Amino acid sequence: MTTPLAQQHCQPISRGTAALDAATIATLLPQIPQWMVAADSTSLSREFRFRDFYATVAFVNAVAWIAHQQDHHPDLQVGYNRCRITWRTHAVGGLSLNDFICAARTDNLEAAA
């Protein structure tokens, strides 16, 4: 049995490592069903909504903690009651397993709220 994404840990990725192929992406997406893969398969994005600014910033801080712990950092767009997160692995020019792991861990934050 495969370990769920949210229980895995990001691994260092060196330049020259290949991005995930479409078949692998398709097998991982069911674990993070609310995330959207970019048309060019280079990123995962999702928008989260909150009751107010305080809840939004608390969520952003929790995502920052995940990013620090996993040494994998997203792009964030933050507004009053929303946060759009985009995970991508620049070193591979596309998606890596690390993006899916961090997306799953981010989903766990929402479930805990």
N, C-alpha and C. Protein backbone atom coordinates (compact mmCIF):
# COMPACT_ATOMS: atom_id res chain seq x y z
N MET A 1 0.84 -1.19 0.00
CA MET A 1 0.00 0.00 0.00
C MET A 1 0.89 1.25 0.00
N THR A 2 0.50 2.24 -0.75
CA THR A 2 1.25 3.47 -0.86
C THR A 2 0.90 4.41 0.30
N THR A 3 1.91 5.08 0.82
CA THR A 3 1.70 6.04 1.90
C THR A 3 0.94 7.24 1.36
N PRO A 4 -0.13 7.71 2.04
CA PRO A 4 -0.86 8.89 1.59
C PRO A 4 0.08 10.09 1.44
N LEU A 5 -0.20 10.93 0.47
CA LEU A 5 0.65 12.10 0.21
C LEU A 5 0.89 12.94 1.45
N ALA A 6 -0.15 13.19 2.23
CA ALA A 6 -0.03 14.07 3.40
C ALA A 6 0.89 13.51 4.47
N GLN A 7 1.22 12.22 4.39
CA GLN A 7 2.11 11.60 5.37
C GLN A 7 3.54 11.46 4.84
N GLN A 8 3.75 11.85 3.60
CA GLN A 8 5.08 11.78 3.01
C GLN A 8 5.85 13.08 3.28
N HIS A 9 7.14 13.05 3.03
CA HIS A 9 7.99 14.22 3.22
C HIS A 9 8.68 14.56 1.90
N CYS A 10 8.82 15.85 1.67
CA CYS A 10 9.50 16.31 0.46
C CYS A 10 10.96 15.87 0.47
N GLN A 11 11.45 15.58 -0.72
CA GLN A 11 12.84 15.17 -0.89
C GLN A 11 13.56 16.22 -1.74
N PRO A 12 14.85 16.42 -1.48
CA PRO A 12 15.61 17.37 -2.31
C PRO A 12 15.56 16.94 -3.78
N ILE A 13 15.44 17.92 -4.65
CA ILE A 13 15.40 17.66 -6.08
C ILE A 13 16.51 18.46 -6.74
N SER A 14 17.28 17.79 -7.55
CA SER A 14 18.37 18.47 -8.24
C SER A 14 17.95 18.82 -9.66
N ARG A 15 18.61 19.82 -10.19
CA ARG A 15 18.35 20.18 -11.59
C ARG A 15 18.68 18.97 -12.45
N GLY A 16 17.92 18.80 -13.49
CA GLY A 16 18.10 17.64 -14.35
C GLY A 16 17.11 16.52 -14.04
N THR A 17 16.48 16.59 -12.87
CA THR A 17 15.44 15.63 -12.55
C THR A 17 14.23 15.92 -13.42
N ALA A 18 13.59 14.91 -13.92
CA ALA A 18 12.43 15.08 -14.80
C ALA A 18 11.18 15.44 -14.01
N ALA A 19 10.34 16.26 -14.62
CA ALA A 19 9.03 16.56 -14.06
C ALA A 19 8.16 15.31 -14.15
N LEU A 20 7.10 15.27 -13.35
CA LEU A 20 6.18 14.14 -13.41
C LEU A 20 5.48 14.10 -14.76
N ASP A 21 5.25 12.89 -15.26
CA ASP A 21 4.53 12.76 -16.53
C ASP A 21 3.02 12.78 -16.28
N ALA A 22 2.26 12.90 -17.34
CA ALA A 22 0.81 13.04 -17.25
C ALA A 22 0.16 11.85 -16.54
N ALA A 23 0.66 10.65 -16.78
CA ALA A 23 0.09 9.46 -16.15
C ALA A 23 0.29 9.48 -14.64
N THR A 24 1.46 9.89 -14.20
CA THR A 24 1.73 9.97 -12.76
C THR A 24 0.88 11.05 -12.11
N ILE A 25 0.78 12.20 -12.77
CA ILE A 25 -0.06 13.29 -12.26
C ILE A 25 -1.50 12.79 -12.10
N ALA A 26 -2.00 12.07 -13.08
CA ALA A 26 -3.37 11.55 -13.03
C ALA A 26 -3.57 10.58 -11.87
N THR A 27 -2.56 9.83 -11.51
CA THR A 27 -2.71 8.89 -10.39
C THR A 27 -2.66 9.59 -9.03
N LEU A 28 -2.00 10.76 -8.98
CA LEU A 28 -1.88 11.50 -7.71
C LEU A 28 -3.05 12.44 -7.45
N LEU A 29 -3.66 12.96 -8.51
CA LEU A 29 -4.73 13.95 -8.35
C LEU A 29 -5.91 13.51 -7.48
N PRO A 30 -6.33 12.25 -7.50
CA PRO A 30 -7.45 11.87 -6.64
C PRO A 30 -7.21 12.13 -5.15
N GLN A 31 -5.96 12.20 -4.73
CA GLN A 31 -5.66 12.48 -3.32
C GLN A 31 -5.81 13.97 -2.99
N ILE A 32 -5.85 14.82 -4.02
CA ILE A 32 -6.01 16.26 -3.81
C ILE A 32 -7.04 16.78 -4.82
N PRO A 33 -8.29 16.32 -4.74
CA PRO A 33 -9.27 16.56 -5.79
C PRO A 33 -9.65 18.02 -6.04
N GLN A 34 -9.44 18.90 -5.09
CA GLN A 34 -9.85 20.29 -5.28
C GLN A 34 -8.75 21.15 -5.93
N TRP A 35 -7.62 20.58 -6.18
CA TRP A 35 -6.51 21.31 -6.80
C TRP A 35 -6.61 21.21 -8.31
N MET A 36 -6.20 22.29 -8.97
CA MET A 36 -6.22 22.36 -10.43
C MET A 36 -4.79 22.29 -10.96
N VAL A 37 -4.59 21.48 -11.97
CA VAL A 37 -3.29 21.42 -12.65
C VAL A 37 -3.34 22.44 -13.78
N ALA A 38 -2.30 23.25 -13.89
CA ALA A 38 -2.21 24.23 -14.97
C ALA A 38 -2.25 23.52 -16.32
N ALA A 39 -2.73 24.21 -17.34
CA ALA A 39 -2.84 23.63 -18.68
C ALA A 39 -1.50 23.09 -19.18
N ASP A 40 -0.41 23.74 -18.77
CA ASP A 40 0.92 23.28 -19.21
C ASP A 40 1.55 22.29 -18.22
N SER A 41 0.77 21.86 -17.22
CA SER A 41 1.20 20.88 -16.20
C SER A 41 2.42 21.32 -15.41
N THR A 42 2.58 22.63 -15.21
CA THR A 42 3.74 23.11 -14.46
C THR A 42 3.41 23.53 -13.03
N SER A 43 2.12 23.53 -12.65
CA SER A 43 1.78 23.95 -11.29
C SER A 43 0.44 23.38 -10.85
N LEU A 44 0.26 23.39 -9.52
CA LEU A 44 -1.00 23.03 -8.88
C LEU A 44 -1.49 24.28 -8.16
N SER A 45 -2.78 24.61 -8.30
CA SER A 45 -3.33 25.79 -7.64
C SER A 45 -4.68 25.48 -7.01
N ARG A 46 -4.94 26.22 -5.95
CA ARG A 46 -6.25 26.12 -5.29
C ARG A 46 -6.49 27.42 -4.53
N GLU A 47 -7.74 27.85 -4.51
CA GLU A 47 -8.11 29.03 -3.71
C GLU A 47 -8.88 28.57 -2.49
N PHE A 48 -8.51 29.11 -1.35
CA PHE A 48 -9.17 28.84 -0.08
C PHE A 48 -9.91 30.11 0.35
N ARG A 49 -11.08 29.96 0.94
CA ARG A 49 -11.88 31.09 1.42
C ARG A 49 -12.03 31.00 2.94
N PHE A 50 -12.09 32.18 3.58
CA PHE A 50 -12.15 32.26 5.04
C PHE A 50 -13.19 33.29 5.48
N ARG A 51 -13.52 33.28 6.76
CA ARG A 51 -14.55 34.18 7.28
C ARG A 51 -14.07 35.62 7.40
N ASP A 52 -12.74 35.80 7.59
CA ASP A 52 -12.21 37.16 7.76
C ASP A 52 -10.70 37.17 7.55
N PHE A 53 -10.13 38.34 7.66
CA PHE A 53 -8.70 38.51 7.42
C PHE A 53 -7.86 37.74 8.42
N TYR A 54 -8.26 37.76 9.68
CA TYR A 54 -7.51 37.05 10.71
C TYR A 54 -7.40 35.56 10.39
N ALA A 55 -8.50 34.94 9.99
CA ALA A 55 -8.49 33.52 9.65
C ALA A 55 -7.61 33.27 8.41
N THR A 56 -7.66 34.19 7.47
CA THR A 56 -6.83 34.07 6.27
C THR A 56 -5.35 34.09 6.63
N VAL A 57 -4.95 35.05 7.44
CA VAL A 57 -3.54 35.18 7.81
C VAL A 57 -3.08 34.01 8.68
N ALA A 58 -3.95 33.51 9.54
CA ALA A 58 -3.61 32.33 10.34
C ALA A 58 -3.32 31.14 9.41
N PHE A 59 -4.15 30.98 8.38
CA PHE A 59 -3.93 29.91 7.40
C PHE A 59 -2.61 30.11 6.66
N VAL A 60 -2.35 31.34 6.22
CA VAL A 60 -1.10 31.64 5.51
C VAL A 60 0.10 31.30 6.39
N ASN A 61 0.03 31.64 7.66
CA ASN A 61 1.14 31.32 8.57
C ASN A 61 1.32 29.81 8.72
N ALA A 62 0.23 29.07 8.74
CA ALA A 62 0.32 27.62 8.83
C ALA A 62 0.93 27.03 7.55
N VAL A 63 0.57 27.59 6.40
CA VAL A 63 1.17 27.15 5.14
C VAL A 63 2.67 27.47 5.13
N ALA A 64 3.03 28.63 5.66
CA ALA A 64 4.45 29.00 5.74
C ALA A 64 5.21 28.00 6.60
N TRP A 65 4.61 27.52 7.67
CA TRP A 65 5.25 26.53 8.52
C TRP A 65 5.47 25.23 7.74
N ILE A 66 4.45 24.78 6.99
CA ILE A 66 4.60 23.58 6.17
C ILE A 66 5.74 23.78 5.18
N ALA A 67 5.75 24.92 4.51
CA ALA A 67 6.78 25.21 3.51
C ALA A 67 8.17 25.17 4.13
N HIS A 68 8.30 25.74 5.30
CA HIS A 68 9.60 25.74 5.98
C HIS A 68 10.00 24.31 6.36
N GLN A 69 9.08 23.56 6.93
CA GLN A 69 9.37 22.19 7.35
C GLN A 69 9.73 21.29 6.17
N GLN A 70 9.08 21.50 5.05
CA GLN A 70 9.30 20.65 3.87
C GLN A 70 10.36 21.22 2.93
N ASP A 71 10.83 22.42 3.20
CA ASP A 71 11.79 23.12 2.35
C ASP A 71 11.30 23.16 0.89
N HIS A 72 10.02 23.51 0.78
CA HIS A 72 9.37 23.64 -0.54
C HIS A 72 8.36 24.77 -0.41
N HIS A 73 8.49 25.79 -1.22
CA HIS A 73 7.79 27.05 -0.97
C HIS A 73 6.84 27.42 -2.10
N PRO A 74 5.60 27.76 -1.75
CA PRO A 74 4.59 28.08 -2.77
C PRO A 74 4.58 29.56 -3.12
N ASP A 75 3.84 29.87 -4.15
CA ASP A 75 3.46 31.25 -4.44
C ASP A 75 2.12 31.47 -3.76
N LEU A 76 1.98 32.59 -3.08
CA LEU A 76 0.74 32.91 -2.36
C LEU A 76 0.17 34.22 -2.87
N GLN A 77 -1.13 34.25 -3.07
CA GLN A 77 -1.86 35.48 -3.35
C GLN A 77 -2.88 35.60 -2.23
N VAL A 78 -2.75 36.65 -1.44
CA VAL A 78 -3.57 36.79 -0.24
C VAL A 78 -4.46 38.01 -0.34
N GLY A 79 -5.73 37.84 0.00
CA GLY A 79 -6.70 38.93 0.08
C GLY A 79 -7.39 38.88 1.43
N TYR A 80 -8.39 39.72 1.60
CA TYR A 80 -9.08 39.83 2.88
C TYR A 80 -9.57 38.48 3.41
N ASN A 81 -10.29 37.73 2.58
CA ASN A 81 -10.86 36.47 3.05
C ASN A 81 -10.55 35.30 2.10
N ARG A 82 -9.41 35.39 1.43
CA ARG A 82 -9.04 34.33 0.51
C ARG A 82 -7.53 34.20 0.39
N CYS A 83 -7.10 33.04 -0.03
CA CYS A 83 -5.68 32.80 -0.31
C CYS A 83 -5.61 31.81 -1.46
N ARG A 84 -4.91 32.19 -2.50
CA ARG A 84 -4.66 31.29 -3.63
C ARG A 84 -3.23 30.79 -3.49
N ILE A 85 -3.09 29.47 -3.50
CA ILE A 85 -1.78 28.84 -3.34
C ILE A 85 -1.43 28.14 -4.65
N THR A 86 -0.19 28.32 -5.07
CA THR A 86 0.32 27.64 -6.24
C THR A 86 1.62 26.95 -5.88
N TRP A 87 1.63 25.64 -6.04
CA TRP A 87 2.83 24.83 -5.83
C TRP A 87 3.42 24.48 -7.18
N ARG A 88 4.73 24.61 -7.33
CA ARG A 88 5.45 24.23 -8.54
C ARG A 88 6.90 23.94 -8.15
N THR A 89 7.58 23.17 -8.97
CA THR A 89 8.98 22.87 -8.72
C THR A 89 9.79 23.45 -9.87
N HIS A 90 10.36 24.61 -9.62
CA HIS A 90 11.11 25.32 -10.67
C HIS A 90 12.28 24.49 -11.18
N ALA A 91 12.93 23.74 -10.30
CA ALA A 91 14.12 22.97 -10.69
C ALA A 91 13.84 21.92 -11.75
N VAL A 92 12.59 21.44 -11.85
CA VAL A 92 12.27 20.42 -12.85
C VAL A 92 11.46 20.98 -14.01
N GLY A 93 11.07 22.24 -13.91
CA GLY A 93 10.29 22.86 -14.98
C GLY A 93 8.89 22.29 -15.09
N GLY A 94 8.37 21.81 -13.99
CA GLY A 94 7.03 21.22 -13.97
C GLY A 94 6.68 20.78 -12.57
N LEU A 95 5.86 19.77 -12.48
CA LEU A 95 5.42 19.27 -11.18
C LEU A 95 6.32 18.13 -10.70
N SER A 96 6.53 18.11 -9.40
CA SER A 96 7.25 17.02 -8.75
C SER A 96 6.34 16.44 -7.66
N LEU A 97 6.75 15.32 -7.12
CA LEU A 97 6.00 14.73 -6.02
C LEU A 97 5.90 15.72 -4.85
N ASN A 98 6.92 16.54 -4.66
CA ASN A 98 6.90 17.52 -3.57
C ASN A 98 5.69 18.44 -3.65
N ASP A 99 5.29 18.83 -4.85
CA ASP A 99 4.12 19.70 -5.01
C ASP A 99 2.86 19.02 -4.51
N PHE A 100 2.71 17.76 -4.82
CA PHE A 100 1.54 17.01 -4.39
C PHE A 100 1.55 16.77 -2.88
N ILE A 101 2.71 16.50 -2.34
CA ILE A 101 2.83 16.32 -0.88
C ILE A 101 2.40 17.60 -0.17
N CYS A 102 2.91 18.73 -0.62
CA CYS A 102 2.59 20.00 0.05
C CYS A 102 1.13 20.39 -0.16
N ALA A 103 0.58 20.10 -1.32
CA ALA A 103 -0.86 20.35 -1.53
C ALA A 103 -1.70 19.53 -0.57
N ALA A 104 -1.37 18.26 -0.40
CA ALA A 104 -2.09 17.40 0.52
C ALA A 104 -1.97 17.88 1.96
N ARG A 105 -0.78 18.30 2.34
CA ARG A 105 -0.57 18.82 3.70
C ARG A 105 -1.37 20.12 3.89
N THR A 106 -1.46 20.93 2.85
CA THR A 106 -2.25 22.15 2.91
C THR A 106 -3.74 21.80 3.09
N ASP A 107 -4.21 20.81 2.37
CA ASP A 107 -5.60 20.37 2.53
C ASP A 107 -5.88 19.93 3.97
N ASN A 108 -4.90 19.32 4.62
CA ASN A 108 -5.08 18.91 6.01
C ASN A 108 -5.30 20.11 6.94
N LEU A 109 -4.72 21.25 6.59
CA LEU A 109 -4.95 22.47 7.39
C LEU A 109 -6.42 22.85 7.35
N GLU A 110 -6.98 22.79 6.15
CA GLU A 110 -8.39 23.16 5.99
C GLU A 110 -9.27 22.20 6.79
N ALA A 111 -8.94 20.91 6.75
CA ALA A 111 -9.73 19.90 7.46
C ALA A 111 -9.65 20.12 8.97
N ALA A 112 -8.53 20.63 9.45
CA ALA A 112 -8.34 20.84 10.88
C ALA A 112 -9.03 22.12 11.38
N ALA A 113 -9.35 23.02 10.45
CA ALA A 113 -9.92 24.33 10.85
C ALA A 113 -11.36 24.21 11.28
